[in-house]
PDB file of N, CA and C in Angstrom:
ATOM      1  N   MET A   1       0.822  -1.165   0.010  1.00  0.00           N
ATOM      2  CA  MET A   1      -0.029   0.016   0.034  1.00  0.00           C
ATOM      3  C   MET A   1       0.871   1.196  -0.034  1.00  0.00           C
ATOM      4  N   VAL A   2       0.566   2.134  -0.814  1.00  0.00           N
ATOM      5  CA  VAL A   2       1.323   3.399  -0.958  1.00  0.00           C
ATOM      6  C   VAL A   2       0.423   4.457  -0.315  1.00  0.00           C
ATOM      7  N   MET A   3       1.032   5.135   0.675  1.00  0.00           N
ATOM      8  CA  MET A   3       0.368   6.254   1.302  1.00  0.00           C
ATOM      9  C   MET A   3       1.230   7.501   1.261  1.00  0.00           C
ATOM     10  N   ARG A   4       0.678   8.527   0.636  1.00  0.00           N
ATOM     11  CA  ARG A   4       1.337   9.829   0.580  1.00  0.00           C
ATOM     12  C   ARG A   4       2.771   9.722   0.086  1.00  0.00           C
ATOM     13  N   GLY A   5       2.958   8.849  -0.895  1.00  0.00           N
ATOM     14  CA  GLY A   5       4.309   8.732  -1.457  1.00  0.00           C
ATOM     15  C   GLY A   5       4.352   9.221  -2.862  1.00  0.00           C
ATOM     16  N   GLN A   6       5.501   9.426  -3.348  1.00  0.00           N
ATOM     17  CA  GLN A   6       5.669   9.831  -4.802  1.00  0.00           C
ATOM     18  C   GLN A   6       6.131   8.627  -5.508  1.00  0.00           C
ATOM     19  N   ILE A   7       5.573   8.337  -6.636  1.00  0.00           N
ATOM     20  CA  ILE A   7       5.860   7.214  -7.450  1.00  0.00           C
ATOM     21  C   ILE A   7       6.169   7.774  -8.882  1.00  0.00           C
ATOM     22  N   ASN A   8       7.271   7.429  -9.395  1.00  0.00           N
ATOM     23  CA  ASN A   8       7.652   7.861 -10.792  1.00  0.00           C
ATOM     24  C   ASN A   8       7.072   6.701 -11.745  1.00  0.00           C
ATOM     25  N   LEU A   9       5.971   7.055 -12.341  1.00  0.00           N
ATOM     26  CA  LEU A   9       5.239   6.088 -13.164  1.00  0.00           C
ATOM     27  C   LEU A   9       6.100   5.500 -14.334  1.00  0.00           C
ATOM     28  N   ASP A  10       6.982   6.417 -14.867  1.00  0.00           N
ATOM     29  CA  ASP A  10       7.786   5.851 -15.896  1.00  0.00           C
ATOM     30  C   ASP A  10       8.716   4.776 -15.458  1.00  0.00           C
ATOM     31  N   GLU A  11       9.187   4.856 -14.287  1.00  0.00           N
ATOM     32  CA  GLU A  11      10.083   3.785 -13.681  1.00  0.00           C
ATOM     33  C   GLU A  11       9.347   2.463 -13.424  1.00  0.00           C
ATOM     34  N   LEU A  12       8.065   2.565 -13.237  1.00  0.00           N
ATOM     35  CA  LEU A  12       7.303   1.262 -13.011  1.00  0.00           C
ATOM     36  C   LEU A  12       7.336   0.372 -14.315  1.00  0.00           C
ATOM     37  N   TYR A  13       7.428   1.004 -15.414  1.00  0.00           N
ATOM     38  CA  TYR A  13       7.342   0.232 -16.678  1.00  0.00           C
ATOM     39  C   TYR A  13       8.561   0.046 -17.481  1.00  0.00           C
ATOM     40  N   THR A  14       9.721   0.263 -16.840  1.00  0.00           N
ATOM     41  CA  THR A  14      10.948   0.047 -17.548  1.00  0.00           C
ATOM     42  C   THR A  14      11.744  -0.984 -16.804  1.00  0.00           C
ATOM     43  N   ALA A  15      12.440  -1.820 -17.599  1.00  0.00           N
ATOM     44  CA  ALA A  15      13.138  -2.964 -17.036  1.00  0.00           C
ATOM     45  C   ALA A  15      14.306  -2.443 -16.192  1.00  0.00           C
ATOM     46  N   ALA A  16      14.906  -1.410 -16.554  1.00  0.00           N
ATOM     47  CA  ALA A  16      16.125  -0.887 -15.856  1.00  0.00           C
ATOM     48  C   ALA A  16      15.629   0.161 -14.728  1.00  0.00           C
ATOM     49  N   GLY A  17      14.416   0.231 -14.452  1.00  0.00           N
ATOM     50  CA  GLY A  17      13.911   1.195 -13.467  1.00  0.00           C
ATOM     51  C   GLY A  17      14.231   0.870 -12.052  1.00  0.00           C
ATOM     52  N   ASP A  18      13.709   1.640 -11.145  1.00  0.00           N
ATOM     53  CA  ASP A  18      14.060   1.521  -9.720  1.00  0.00           C
ATOM     54  C   ASP A  18      13.320   0.319  -9.113  1.00  0.00           C
ATOM     55  N   PHE A  19      12.285  -0.087  -9.773  1.00  0.00           N
ATOM     56  CA  PHE A  19      11.498  -1.194  -9.143  1.00  0.00           C
ATOM     57  C   PHE A  19      11.838  -2.529  -9.701  1.00  0.00           C
ATOM     58  N   LYS A  20      11.645  -3.556  -8.868  1.00  0.00           N
ATOM     59  CA  LYS A  20      12.025  -4.890  -9.289  1.00  0.00           C
ATOM     60  C   LYS A  20      11.339  -5.399 -10.496  1.00  0.00           C
ATOM     61  N   TYR A  21      12.135  -5.891 -11.474  1.00  0.00           N
ATOM     62  CA  TYR A  21      11.573  -6.461 -12.663  1.00  0.00           C
ATOM     63  C   TYR A  21      11.759  -7.944 -12.679  1.00  0.00           C
ATOM     64  N   TYR A  22      10.719  -8.668 -12.807  1.00  0.00           N
ATOM     65  CA  TYR A  22      10.746 -10.088 -12.697  1.00  0.00           C
ATOM     66  C   TYR A  22      11.124 -10.715 -14.014  1.00  0.00           C
ATOM     67  N   ASP A  23      11.319 -12.061 -13.963  1.00  0.00           N
ATOM     68  CA  ASP A  23      11.686 -12.788 -15.166  1.00  0.00           C
ATOM     69  C   ASP A  23      10.513 -12.848 -16.132  1.00  0.00           C
ATOM     70  N   ASN A  24      10.635 -12.175 -17.223  1.00  0.00           N
ATOM     71  CA  ASN A  24       9.637 -12.024 -18.302  1.00  0.00           C
ATOM     72  C   ASN A  24       8.287 -11.708 -17.697  1.00  0.00           C
ATOM     73  N   GLY A  25       8.171 -10.958 -16.658  1.00  0.00           N
ATOM     74  CA  GLY A  25       7.014 -10.502 -16.063  1.00  0.00           C
ATOM     75  C   GLY A  25       6.345 -11.456 -15.023  1.00  0.00           C
ATOM     76  N   PHE A  26       7.120 -12.475 -14.669  1.00  0.00           N
ATOM     77  CA  PHE A  26       6.583 -13.425 -13.718  1.00  0.00           C
ATOM     78  C   PHE A  26       7.496 -13.414 -12.466  1.00  0.00           C
ATOM     79  N   ASN A  27       6.892 -13.453 -11.303  1.00  0.00           N
ATOM     80  CA  ASN A  27       7.615 -13.613 -10.025  1.00  0.00           C
ATOM     81  C   ASN A  27       7.719 -15.031  -9.758  1.00  0.00           C
ATOM     82  N   LEU A  28       8.894 -15.636 -10.196  1.00  0.00           N
ATOM     83  CA  LEU A  28       9.050 -17.107 -10.015  1.00  0.00           C
ATOM     84  C   LEU A  28       9.031 -17.584  -8.654  1.00  0.00           C
ATOM     85  N   THR A  29       9.405 -16.774  -7.672  1.00  0.00           N
ATOM     86  CA  THR A  29       9.365 -17.088  -6.172  1.00  0.00           C
ATOM     87  C   THR A  29       7.882 -17.298  -5.835  1.00  0.00           C
ATOM     88  N   ALA A  30       7.019 -16.349  -6.154  1.00  0.00           N
ATOM     89  CA  ALA A  30       5.648 -16.395  -5.820  1.00  0.00           C
ATOM     90  C   ALA A  30       4.944 -17.548  -6.541  1.00  0.00           C
ATOM     91  N   PHE A  31       5.232 -17.841  -7.785  1.00  0.00           N
ATOM     92  CA  PHE A  31       4.708 -18.924  -8.503  1.00  0.00           C
ATOM     93  C   PHE A  31       5.053 -20.291  -7.941  1.00  0.00           C
ATOM     94  N   SER A  32       6.375 -20.370  -7.470  1.00  0.00           N
ATOM     95  CA  SER A  32       6.793 -21.693  -6.874  1.00  0.00           C
ATOM     96  C   SER A  32       6.194 -21.870  -5.550  1.00  0.00           C
ATOM     97  N   VAL A  33       6.154 -20.864  -4.767  1.00  0.00           N
ATOM     98  CA  VAL A  33       5.511 -20.972  -3.427  1.00  0.00           C
ATOM     99  C   VAL A  33       4.000 -21.313  -3.550  1.00  0.00           C
ATOM    100  N   THR A  34       3.356 -20.734  -4.472  1.00  0.00           N
ATOM    101  CA  THR A  34       1.958 -21.070  -4.681  1.00  0.00           C
ATOM    102  C   THR A  34       1.693 -22.478  -5.105  1.00  0.00           C
ATOM    103  N   LEU A  35       2.606 -23.001  -5.991  1.00  0.00           N
ATOM    104  CA  LEU A  35       2.551 -24.336  -6.464  1.00  0.00           C
ATOM    105  C   LEU A  35       2.768 -25.378  -5.288  1.00  0.00           C
ATOM    106  N   VAL A  36       3.728 -25.058  -4.479  1.00  0.00           N
ATOM    107  CA  VAL A  36       3.964 -25.894  -3.262  1.00  0.00           C
ATOM    108  C   VAL A  36       2.748 -25.909  -2.315  1.00  0.00           C
ATOM    109  N   ALA A  37       2.225 -24.777  -1.982  1.00  0.00           N
ATOM    110  CA  ALA A  37       1.078 -24.624  -1.114  1.00  0.00           C
ATOM    111  C   ALA A  37      -0.111 -25.397  -1.678  1.00  0.00           C
ATOM    112  N   VAL A  38      -0.349 -25.280  -2.984  1.00  0.00           N
ATOM    113  CA  VAL A  38      -1.494 -26.011  -3.532  1.00  0.00           C
ATOM    114  C   VAL A  38      -1.295 -27.496  -3.487  1.00  0.00           C
ATOM    115  N   ILE A  39      -0.140 -27.979  -3.695  1.00  0.00           N
ATOM    116  CA  ILE A  39       0.244 -29.489  -3.669  1.00  0.00           C
ATOM    117  C   ILE A  39      -0.016 -29.853  -2.232  1.00  0.00           C
ATOM    118  N   LEU A  40       0.452 -29.151  -1.249  1.00  0.00           N
ATOM    119  CA  LEU A  40       0.265 -29.568   0.130  1.00  0.00           C
ATOM    120  C   LEU A  40      -1.220 -29.495   0.529  1.00  0.00           C
ATOM    121  N   SER A  41      -1.989 -28.513   0.004  1.00  0.00           N
ATOM    122  CA  SER A  41      -3.322 -28.387   0.422  1.00  0.00           C
ATOM    123  C   SER A  41      -4.201 -29.511  -0.215  1.00  0.00           C
ATOM    124  N   LEU A  42      -3.891 -29.779  -1.514  1.00  0.00           N
ATOM    125  CA  LEU A  42      -4.731 -30.730  -2.206  1.00  0.00           C
ATOM    126  C   LEU A  42      -4.152 -32.207  -2.097  1.00  0.00           C
ATOM    127  N   GLY A  43      -2.927 -32.338  -1.586  1.00  0.00           N
ATOM    128  CA  GLY A  43      -2.321 -33.598  -1.522  1.00  0.00           C
ATOM    129  C   GLY A  43      -3.079 -34.690  -0.759  1.00  0.00           C
ATOM    130  N   GLY A  44      -3.774 -34.346   0.224  1.00  0.00           N
ATOM    131  CA  GLY A  44      -4.660 -35.355   0.942  1.00  0.00           C
ATOM    132  C   GLY A  44      -5.664 -35.980   0.194  1.00  0.00           C
ATOM    133  N   LYS A  45      -6.063 -35.347  -0.882  1.00  0.00           N
ATOM    134  CA  LYS A  45      -7.112 -35.941  -1.777  1.00  0.00           C
ATOM    135  C   LYS A  45      -6.569 -37.070  -2.619  1.00  0.00           C
ATOM    136  N   PHE A  46      -5.237 -37.095  -2.820  1.00  0.00           N
ATOM    137  CA  PHE A  46      -4.620 -38.039  -3.739  1.00  0.00           C
ATOM    138  C   PHE A  46      -3.565 -38.925  -3.029  1.00  0.00           C
ATOM    139  N   ILE A  47      -3.025 -38.404  -1.964  1.00  0.00           N
ATOM    140  CA  ILE A  47      -1.906 -39.189  -1.253  1.00  0.00           C
ATOM    141  C   ILE A  47      -2.459 -39.497   0.139  1.00  0.00           C
ATOM    142  N   PRO A  48      -2.673 -40.784   0.435  1.00  0.00           N
ATOM    143  CA  PRO A  48      -3.320 -41.155   1.648  1.00  0.00           C
ATOM    144  C   PRO A  48      -2.629 -40.667   3.015  1.00  0.00           C
ATOM    145  N   PHE A  49      -1.322 -40.674   3.025  1.00  0.00           N
ATOM    146  CA  PHE A  49      -0.678 -40.222   4.265  1.00  0.00           C
ATOM    147  C   PHE A  49      -0.718 -38.755   4.590  1.00  0.00           C
ATOM    148  N   MET A  50      -1.168 -38.009   3.559  1.00  0.00           N
ATOM    149  CA  MET A  50      -1.336 -36.530   3.647  1.00  0.00           C
ATOM    150  C   MET A  50      -2.767 -36.123   3.911  1.00  0.00           C
ATOM    151  N   GLU A  51      -3.657 -37.198   4.121  1.00  0.00           N
ATOM    152  CA  GLU A  51      -5.089 -36.964   4.336  1.00  0.00           C
ATOM    153  C   GLU A  51      -5.396 -35.986   5.467  1.00  0.00           C
ATOM    154  N   PRO A  52      -4.685 -36.133   6.623  1.00  0.00           N
ATOM    155  CA  PRO A  52      -4.932 -35.183   7.738  1.00  0.00           C
ATOM    156  C   PRO A  52      -4.791 -33.703   7.315  1.00  0.00           C
ATOM    157  N   LEU A  53      -3.839 -33.390   6.400  1.00  0.00           N
ATOM    158  CA  LEU A  53      -3.657 -31.995   6.027  1.00  0.00           C
ATOM    159  C   LEU A  53      -4.823 -31.561   5.220  1.00  0.00           C
ATOM    160  N   SER A  54      -5.541 -32.386   4.513  1.00  0.00           N
ATOM    161  CA  SER A  54      -6.662 -31.947   3.707  1.00  0.00           C
ATOM    162  C   SER A  54      -7.840 -31.433   4.549  1.00  0.00           C
ATOM    163  N   ARG A  55      -7.908 -31.855   5.795  1.00  0.00           N
ATOM    164  CA  ARG A  55      -8.977 -31.354   6.657  1.00  0.00           C
ATOM    165  C   ARG A  55      -8.858 -29.868   6.979  1.00  0.00           C
ATOM    166  N   VAL A  56      -7.611 -29.433   7.018  1.00  0.00           N
ATOM    167  CA  VAL A  56      -7.322 -27.988   7.270  1.00  0.00           C
ATOM    168  C   VAL A  56      -6.509 -27.385   6.220  1.00  0.00           C
ATOM    169  N   SER A  57      -6.864 -27.732   4.987  1.00  0.00           N
ATOM    170  CA  SER A  57      -6.125 -27.344   3.828  1.00  0.00           C
ATOM    171  C   SER A  57      -5.957 -25.804   3.610  1.00  0.00           C
ATOM    172  N   TRP A  58      -7.045 -25.106   4.010  1.00  0.00           N
ATOM    173  CA  TRP A  58      -6.975 -23.677   3.868  1.00  0.00           C
ATOM    174  C   TRP A  58      -5.881 -23.052   4.689  1.00  0.00           C
ATOM    175  N   PHE A  59      -5.798 -23.512   5.927  1.00  0.00           N
ATOM    176  CA  PHE A  59      -4.817 -23.066   6.803  1.00  0.00           C
ATOM    177  C   PHE A  59      -3.416 -23.484   6.416  1.00  0.00           C
ATOM    178  N   VAL A  60      -3.278 -24.739   5.964  1.00  0.00           N
ATOM    179  CA  VAL A  60      -2.029 -25.220   5.524  1.00  0.00           C
ATOM    180  C   VAL A  60      -1.500 -24.441   4.360  1.00  0.00           C
ATOM    181  N   GLY A  61      -2.345 -24.150   3.369  1.00  0.00           N
ATOM    182  CA  GLY A  61      -1.973 -23.420   2.152  1.00  0.00           C
ATOM    183  C   GLY A  61      -1.498 -21.937   2.530  1.00  0.00           C
ATOM    184  N   VAL A  62      -2.308 -21.315   3.390  1.00  0.00           N
ATOM    185  CA  VAL A  62      -1.969 -19.965   3.733  1.00  0.00           C
ATOM    186  C   VAL A  62      -0.666 -19.792   4.539  1.00  0.00           C
ATOM    187  N   ILE A  63      -0.581 -20.694   5.485  1.00  0.00           N
ATOM    188  CA  ILE A  63       0.638 -20.643   6.398  1.00  0.00           C
ATOM    189  C   ILE A  63       1.852 -21.075   5.623  1.00  0.00           C
ATOM    190  N   VAL A  64       1.822 -22.168   4.888  1.00  0.00           N
ATOM    191  CA  VAL A  64       2.979 -22.548   4.091  1.00  0.00           C
ATOM    192  C   VAL A  64       3.398 -21.470   3.075  1.00  0.00           C
ATOM    193  N   ALA A  65       2.415 -20.898   2.347  1.00  0.00           N
ATOM    194  CA  ALA A  65       2.735 -19.913   1.348  1.00  0.00           C
ATOM    195  C   ALA A  65       3.295 -18.603   1.946  1.00  0.00           C
ATOM    196  N   PHE A  66       2.768 -18.206   3.053  1.00  0.00           N
ATOM    197  CA  PHE A  66       3.227 -17.001   3.735  1.00  0.00           C
ATOM    198  C   PHE A  66       4.709 -17.216   4.273  1.00  0.00           C
ATOM    199  N   ALA A  67       4.934 -18.344   5.002  1.00  0.00           N
ATOM    200  CA  ALA A  67       6.254 -18.707   5.548  1.00  0.00           C
ATOM    201  C   ALA A  67       7.265 -18.843   4.402  1.00  0.00           C
ATOM    202  N   ALA A  68       6.983 -19.604   3.469  1.00  0.00           N
ATOM    203  CA  ALA A  68       7.988 -19.867   2.404  1.00  0.00           C
ATOM    204  C   ALA A  68       8.293 -18.612   1.517  1.00  0.00           C
ATOM    205  N   TYR A  69       7.228 -17.802   1.253  1.00  0.00           N
ATOM    206  CA  TYR A  69       7.557 -16.572   0.524  1.00  0.00           C
ATOM    207  C   TYR A  69       8.334 -15.626   1.403  1.00  0.00           C
ATOM    208  N   ALA A  70       8.042 -15.476   2.621  1.00  0.00           N
ATOM    209  CA  ALA A  70       8.814 -14.634   3.489  1.00  0.00           C
ATOM    210  C   ALA A  70      10.224 -15.063   3.615  1.00  0.00           C
ATOM    211  N   LEU A  71      10.539 -16.348   3.758  1.00  0.00           N
ATOM    212  CA  LEU A  71      11.880 -16.877   3.848  1.00  0.00           C
ATOM    213  C   LEU A  71      12.672 -16.636   2.544  1.00  0.00           C
ATOM    214  N   LEU A  72      11.991 -16.948   1.424  1.00  0.00           N
ATOM    215  CA  LEU A  72      12.674 -16.835   0.120  1.00  0.00           C
ATOM    216  C   LEU A  72      12.962 -15.411  -0.289  1.00  0.00           C
ATOM    217  N   LYS A  73      12.096 -14.492   0.108  1.00  0.00           N
ATOM    218  CA  LYS A  73      12.282 -13.059  -0.276  1.00  0.00           C
ATOM    219  C   LYS A  73      13.258 -12.365   0.676  1.00  0.00           C
ATOM    220  N   LYS A  74      13.616 -12.934   1.787  1.00  0.00           N
ATOM    221  CA  LYS A  74      14.710 -12.322   2.558  1.00  0.00           C
ATOM    222  C   LYS A  74      16.024 -12.364   1.959  1.00  0.00           C
ATOM    223  N   ARG A  75      16.264 -13.363   1.002  1.00  0.00           N
ATOM    224  CA  ARG A  75      17.540 -13.501   0.347  1.00  0.00           C
ATOM    225  C   ARG A  75      17.755 -12.401  -0.550  1.00  0.00           C
TER     226      ARG A  75
END
């Protein structure tokens, strides 16, 4: 959220700008974290030993995605 800040709009749309430019427009870290969270959330439907996770899949997905993204973005 931007509050009372100044943003140079030209810099938002240039690859060499001040803002992070992802690989061909994709944030690979976010994509990977989402994929892992979905697999863990839905894994109980297809993999029997992961069935207890499917009962709380919403929480598992959110917590795993949040923690993994936070850890990977610190680097």
